[in-house]
Protein backbone atom coordinates (compact mmCIF):
# COMPACT_ATOMS: atom_id res chain seq x y z
CA UNK A 1 -11.50 -10.13 14.42
CA UNK A 2 -8.55 -10.87 11.90
CA UNK A 3 -5.26 -9.20 13.36
CA UNK A 4 -3.52 -7.42 10.48
CA UNK A 5 -1.03 -5.29 12.54
CA UNK A 6 2.43 -5.32 11.50
CA UNK A 7 1.09 -5.96 8.00
CA UNK A 8 1.69 -3.74 4.55
CA UNK A 9 -1.69 -3.45 3.13
CA UNK A 10 -3.07 -1.81 -0.13
CA UNK A 11 -6.09 -1.29 -2.06
CA UNK A 12 -5.17 -1.94 -5.71
CA UNK A 13 -5.05 -5.65 -7.05
CA UNK A 14 -1.51 -4.97 -8.27
CA UNK A 15 0.87 -2.09 -7.77
CA UNK A 16 -0.07 0.73 -5.28
CA UNK A 17 -1.46 3.61 -7.14
CA UNK A 18 -4.29 4.28 -4.73
CA UNK A 19 -1.40 4.24 -1.96
CA UNK A 20 0.31 6.87 -4.20
CA UNK A 21 -2.63 9.33 -3.81
CA UNK A 22 -3.47 8.95 -0.19
CA UNK A 23 -1.96 10.74 3.09
CA UNK A 24 -0.57 7.56 4.64
CA UNK A 25 3.10 6.89 4.65
CA UNK A 26 4.29 4.20 2.51
CA UNK A 27 6.51 0.98 3.13
CA UNK A 28 9.54 0.49 0.62
CA UNK A 29 7.02 -1.67 -1.15
CA UNK A 30 4.66 0.80 -1.92
CA UNK A 31 1.87 -0.44 0.26
CA UNK A 32 0.91 1.13 3.53
CA UNK A 33 1.95 -0.26 6.96
CA UNK A 34 -1.34 -1.03 8.83
CA UNK A 35 0.04 0.55 12.05
CA UNK A 36 0.58 3.89 10.46
CA UNK A 37 -2.79 4.47 8.76
CA UNK A 38 -3.56 8.30 8.39
CA UNK A 39 -7.19 8.95 10.27
CA UNK A 40 -8.10 11.04 7.58
CA UNK A 41 -7.20 8.63 4.81
CA UNK A 42 -10.22 7.73 2.58
CA UNK A 43 -8.79 4.68 1.38
CA UNK A 44 -7.25 2.73 4.49
CA UNK A 45 -8.86 3.96 7.54
CA UNK A 46 -11.44 1.70 8.99
CA UNK A 47 -14.38 4.16 8.76
CA UNK A 48 -13.81 4.12 4.97
CA UNK A 49 -14.81 0.47 5.25
CA UNK A 50 -13.05 -0.52 1.80
CA UNK A 51 -11.50 -3.92 1.09
CA UNK A 52 -7.99 -4.49 1.24
CA UNK A 53 -6.82 -6.52 -1.91
CA UNK A 54 -3.10 -7.01 -1.27
CA UNK A 55 -0.93 -7.61 2.04
CA UNK A 56 2.29 -8.94 3.23
CA UNK A 57 3.99 -9.22 6.91
CA UNK A 58 6.28 -6.32 7.22
CA UNK A 59 9.11 -8.92 7.63
CA UNK A 60 8.69 -10.23 4.26
CA UNK A 61 8.74 -6.53 2.69
CA UNK A 62 10.38 -6.18 -0.93
CA UNK A 63 11.01 -2.93 -2.18
CA UNK A 64 8.83 -1.78 -5.23
CA UNK A 65 10.54 -2.20 -8.71
CA UNK A 66 11.69 1.17 -10.02
CA UNK A 67 9.25 2.93 -12.64
CA UNK A 68 10.83 3.05 -16.21
CA UNK A 69 11.91 6.66 -17.20
CA UNK A 70 9.20 8.35 -19.01
CA UNK A 71 9.35 7.46 -22.68
CA UNK A 72 11.16 4.31 -22.13
CA UNK A 73 9.77 1.67 -24.53
CA UNK A 74 11.64 -1.39 -23.49
CA UNK A 75 9.89 -4.51 -22.98
């Protein structure tokens, strides 16, 4: 079995929209530290049996970029 303790995990291919809507605590990157998954989470708890689409070691965590203010149309 793959050991993913000490990793930050996400259910989305990019960003962390699913993590923003679940009860799990988030790391600065916006993903969920595997070791702190909320047992009631329908997205991350092992009983949900859903795929993890992104992850990285906690030691390689980088803060998520700040979202542009509402109405900011810069490209």
